[in-house]
Amino acid sequence: MDWKRVTEFSRWHVEPLLLHGLVRPSRVEPLLDLGLAMLPTRFAVGSPICYSVGVGEDVDFERRLSDRCAARQWLFDPTPRTAKFMADPRNVVAGATFVPIGIWKEDCVQTFHAPSNPDHVSHSIVVDTGSAADGFQAECRTIGSVMRQFGHEHIDVLKLNVEGAEDAILQSVLDAGVRPGAILVTWEGHAPLAKAVRWTKHLRKQGWDFLGRKGWYFTYARAPANR
């Protein structure tokens, strides 16, 4: 039996059905459909500060965010292929600054492991596929560290697509006292279903309501008075 195919089938066809019953929205709030993920419409005003962690070779979400919200965006990804992609003028996003570093739970140099499929661009700190393809090492910083670098006292939107490192990064965000207005995160890596359920409960206790999801991309937001 091809367990890799079984796992992929379960992730995209079985576990989403379980999520529908296990993780329900805390309340109803109007949401913008930005393709990859959804964002509360109230963030579409005032040129929100947005950190997008994990870009790969797709800036459709960031373009929609720029068009709909006039967002000021900082895009973080240390992958060499991503840097090449972002250097192409066709991939420029209005109001966005690309920063070729990784985001992690501490300031350090980390190894990023190559994906099992060499056609894929996304590398991971926490998931070692044992791929024959070479990974790479890159500078990593915490969210709090880059906020100090760019002079930001708050973040309106934090988007995480980090190949399984999302829980470690989120914990470092909480530990640093950073409170983004909205968190858009895709749960990946080891046991993503359990991770999604556990972290949804945890974030609720910390003041973020679960508002909805597109596939594995979950949208959490603090109540307007708590932003």
Protein backbone atom coordinates (compact mmCIF):
# COMPACT_ATOMS: atom_id res chain seq x y z
CA MET A 1 0.00 0.00 0.00
CA ASP A 2 1.24 3.49 -0.88
CA TRP A 3 0.95 5.18 2.54
CA LYS A 4 1.96 8.56 1.13
CA ARG A 5 -1.07 8.55 -1.16
CA VAL A 6 -3.28 7.32 1.68
CA THR A 7 -2.06 10.18 3.88
CA GLU A 8 -2.65 12.76 1.17
CA PHE A 9 -6.14 11.41 0.47
CA SER A 10 -6.96 11.54 4.16
CA ARG A 11 -5.65 15.12 4.50
CA TRP A 12 -7.70 16.52 1.64
CA HIS A 13 -10.81 14.33 1.65
CA VAL A 14 -11.33 12.75 5.08
CA GLU A 15 -9.89 15.10 7.69
CA PRO A 16 -11.70 18.22 6.34
CA LEU A 17 -14.98 16.40 7.00
CA LEU A 18 -13.85 15.76 10.56
CA LEU A 19 -12.81 19.39 10.94
CA HIS A 20 -16.32 20.48 10.02
CA GLY A 21 -17.61 18.76 13.13
CA LEU A 22 -14.67 19.31 15.47
CA VAL A 23 -13.87 22.98 14.82
CA ARG A 24 -16.83 25.33 14.53
CA PRO A 25 -16.76 29.12 14.15
CA SER A 26 -17.06 31.08 17.38
CA ARG A 27 -19.30 33.68 15.79
CA VAL A 28 -20.39 35.07 12.43
CA GLU A 29 -18.49 38.00 10.94
CA PRO A 30 -18.35 39.23 7.31
CA LEU A 31 -15.28 37.83 5.56
CA LEU A 32 -13.39 38.78 2.42
CA ASP A 33 -12.49 35.85 0.15
CA LEU A 34 -8.88 36.49 -0.83
CA GLY A 35 -8.41 33.25 -2.74
CA LEU A 36 -6.06 31.37 -0.49
CA ALA A 37 -7.71 32.44 2.76
CA MET A 38 -10.42 34.67 4.20
CA LEU A 39 -10.05 37.89 6.17
CA PRO A 40 -12.63 39.86 8.20
CA THR A 41 -13.91 42.78 6.11
CA ARG A 42 -13.13 45.24 8.90
CA PHE A 43 -9.44 44.86 8.07
CA ALA A 44 -10.06 46.29 4.59
CA VAL A 45 -9.76 49.86 5.87
CA GLY A 46 -6.88 51.93 7.15
CA SER A 47 -3.99 50.33 5.21
CA PRO A 48 -3.41 47.44 7.62
CA ILE A 49 0.08 46.21 8.47
CA CYS A 50 0.36 42.62 7.27
CA TYR A 51 3.13 40.06 7.68
CA SER A 52 2.98 37.20 5.16
CA VAL A 53 5.27 34.37 6.22
CA GLY A 54 5.85 31.78 3.49
CA VAL A 55 5.49 32.97 -0.09
CA GLY A 56 6.75 30.21 -2.36
CA GLU A 57 5.99 31.09 -5.97
CA ASP A 58 2.46 32.42 -5.53
CA VAL A 59 1.53 35.99 -4.59
CA ASP A 60 -2.15 35.83 -5.55
CA PHE A 61 -3.25 36.23 -1.92
CA GLU A 62 -0.90 39.17 -1.39
CA ARG A 63 -2.11 40.86 -4.58
CA ARG A 64 -5.74 40.49 -3.55
CA LEU A 65 -4.90 41.82 -0.11
CA SER A 66 -3.21 44.83 -1.69
CA ASP A 67 -6.08 45.47 -4.10
CA ARG A 68 -8.88 45.09 -1.55
CA CYS A 69 -7.25 46.51 1.56
CA ALA A 70 -4.42 48.83 0.36
CA ALA A 71 -2.34 46.80 2.79
CA ARG A 72 1.23 47.55 3.78
CA GLN A 73 2.84 44.13 3.51
CA TRP A 74 6.09 42.47 4.50
CA LEU A 75 6.68 39.11 2.81
CA PHE A 76 9.12 36.68 4.44
CA ASP A 77 10.63 33.64 2.75
CA PRO A 78 14.27 32.49 2.67
CA THR A 79 13.88 30.00 -0.20
CA PRO A 80 16.30 30.74 -3.10
CA ARG A 81 13.61 29.93 -5.68
CA THR A 82 11.29 32.40 -3.96
CA ALA A 83 13.92 35.14 -4.08
CA LYS A 84 14.32 34.53 -7.81
CA PHE A 85 10.53 34.57 -8.24
CA MET A 86 10.17 37.83 -6.32
CA ALA A 87 12.96 39.48 -8.34
CA ASP A 88 10.81 39.19 -11.47
CA PRO A 89 9.02 42.54 -12.01
CA ARG A 90 5.87 40.63 -12.99
CA ASN A 91 5.58 39.40 -9.40
CA VAL A 92 5.79 42.79 -7.71
CA VAL A 93 2.96 43.42 -5.22
CA ALA A 94 1.97 47.04 -4.59
CA GLY A 95 2.79 48.14 -1.06
CA ALA A 96 4.82 44.99 -0.32
CA THR A 97 8.42 44.56 0.81
CA PHE A 98 10.06 41.16 0.28
CA VAL A 99 12.43 40.06 3.05
CA PRO A 100 14.49 36.93 2.19
CA ILE A 101 14.74 35.49 5.70
CA GLY A 102 12.90 32.78 7.62
CA ILE A 103 10.60 33.32 10.59
CA TRP A 104 11.13 31.02 13.56
CA LYS A 105 10.84 30.88 17.36
CA GLU A 106 14.30 32.39 17.89
CA ASP A 107 16.88 34.45 16.04
CA CYS A 108 19.31 31.92 14.57
CA VAL A 109 20.43 30.09 11.45
CA GLN A 110 18.23 27.11 10.58
CA THR A 111 18.33 24.27 8.06
CA PHE A 112 15.38 24.15 5.67
CA HIS A 113 14.72 20.63 4.40
CA ALA A 114 13.84 20.07 0.75
CA PRO A 115 10.38 18.78 -0.21
CA SER A 116 10.07 15.18 -1.36
CA ASN A 117 8.87 16.39 -4.77
CA PRO A 118 11.66 18.48 -6.39
CA ASP A 119 9.04 20.35 -8.41
CA HIS A 120 7.67 21.85 -5.20
CA VAL A 121 9.20 25.03 -3.83
CA SER A 122 8.30 24.93 -0.13
CA HIS A 123 11.03 23.81 2.30
CA SER A 124 10.51 23.08 5.99
CA ILE A 125 12.42 23.54 9.22
CA VAL A 126 10.48 20.84 11.05
CA VAL A 127 9.61 18.27 8.34
CA ASP A 128 12.61 16.31 7.07
CA THR A 129 11.40 14.28 4.09
CA GLY A 130 14.77 12.62 3.61
CA SER A 131 14.75 13.95 0.07
CA ALA A 132 17.88 13.51 -1.97
CA ALA A 133 17.52 17.13 -3.04
CA ASP A 134 19.64 19.60 -1.14
CA GLY A 135 18.12 21.81 1.49
CA PHE A 136 19.69 25.08 2.56
CA GLN A 137 20.54 27.11 5.63
CA ALA A 138 19.17 30.57 6.20
CA GLU A 139 18.92 33.35 8.75
CA CYS A 140 15.76 33.20 10.83
CA ARG A 141 14.20 35.82 13.07
CA THR A 142 11.24 35.96 15.43
CA ILE A 143 8.16 38.03 14.66
CA GLY A 144 9.01 40.30 17.57
CA SER A 145 12.53 40.77 16.24
CA VAL A 146 11.42 41.85 12.75
CA MET A 147 8.75 44.09 14.23
CA ARG A 148 11.48 45.97 16.08
CA GLN A 149 13.57 46.12 12.90
CA PHE A 150 10.78 47.71 10.89
CA GLY A 151 9.49 49.91 13.71
CA HIS A 152 6.09 48.24 14.05
CA GLU A 153 4.31 48.37 17.38
CA HIS A 154 1.52 46.10 16.16
CA ILE A 155 0.51 43.78 13.31
CA ASP A 156 -3.00 43.83 11.89
CA VAL A 157 -2.73 40.57 9.93
CA LEU A 158 -0.31 37.66 10.35
CA LYS A 159 -0.39 34.98 7.63
CA LEU A 160 1.53 31.75 8.18
CA ASN A 161 2.19 29.13 5.51
CA VAL A 162 5.30 27.55 6.98
CA GLU A 163 5.23 23.81 6.33
CA GLY A 164 4.58 22.60 9.85
CA ALA A 165 6.43 25.29 11.82
CA GLU A 166 3.27 27.28 12.52
CA ASP A 167 2.72 26.11 16.11
CA ALA A 168 6.30 26.93 17.17
CA ILE A 169 6.07 30.37 15.57
CA LEU A 170 2.66 31.10 17.07
CA GLN A 171 3.86 30.12 20.54
CA SER A 172 6.79 32.52 20.19
CA VAL A 173 4.35 35.26 19.11
CA LEU A 174 2.21 34.68 22.20
CA ASP A 175 5.26 34.51 24.47
CA ALA A 176 6.47 37.86 23.11
CA GLY A 177 3.13 39.51 23.85
CA VAL A 178 2.45 40.22 20.16
CA ARG A 179 -1.29 40.31 19.44
CA PRO A 180 -2.10 40.44 15.69
CA GLY A 181 -5.66 41.50 14.94
CA ALA A 182 -6.11 38.53 12.61
CA ILE A 183 -4.16 35.29 12.19
CA LEU A 184 -4.47 33.32 8.95
CA VAL A 185 -2.72 29.97 9.27
CA THR A 186 -2.56 26.71 7.37
CA TRP A 187 -2.07 23.70 9.64
CA GLU A 188 0.54 21.31 8.26
CA GLY A 189 3.28 18.94 9.33
CA HIS A 190 2.78 16.18 11.89
CA ALA A 191 -0.85 15.47 12.89
CA PRO A 192 -2.36 18.67 11.41
CA LEU A 193 -5.91 17.69 12.42
CA ALA A 194 -4.98 17.41 16.10
CA LYS A 195 -2.92 20.58 15.81
CA ALA A 196 -5.86 22.51 14.33
CA VAL A 197 -8.24 21.39 17.08
CA ARG A 198 -5.74 22.02 19.89
CA TRP A 199 -4.64 25.43 18.66
CA THR A 200 -8.15 26.64 17.92
CA LYS A 201 -9.01 26.02 21.58
CA HIS A 202 -5.77 27.63 22.71
CA LEU A 203 -6.22 30.74 20.57
CA ARG A 204 -9.80 31.14 21.80
CA LYS A 205 -8.50 31.26 25.37
CA GLN A 206 -5.99 33.90 24.29
CA GLY A 207 -8.65 36.13 22.72
CA TRP A 208 -8.85 35.07 19.07
CA ASP A 209 -12.17 33.78 17.71
CA PHE A 210 -12.22 31.16 14.97
CA LEU A 211 -14.25 32.68 12.12
CA GLY A 212 -13.95 30.19 9.26
CA ARG A 213 -11.62 28.34 6.94
CA LYS A 214 -10.85 27.54 3.33
CA GLY A 215 -9.57 24.01 3.25
CA TRP A 216 -6.74 23.99 5.79
CA TYR A 217 -6.41 27.77 5.93
CA PHE A 218 -7.98 28.92 9.20
CA THR A 219 -9.02 32.50 10.00
CA TYR A 220 -8.82 33.74 13.59
CA ALA A 221 -9.47 37.30 14.74
CA ARG A 222 -9.66 39.27 17.92
CA ALA A 223 -12.93 41.06 18.66
CA PRO A 224 -12.84 44.70 17.45
CA ALA A 225 -12.49 46.05 21.00
CA ASN A 226 -9.48 43.76 21.56
CA ARG A 227 -7.46 44.73 18.49
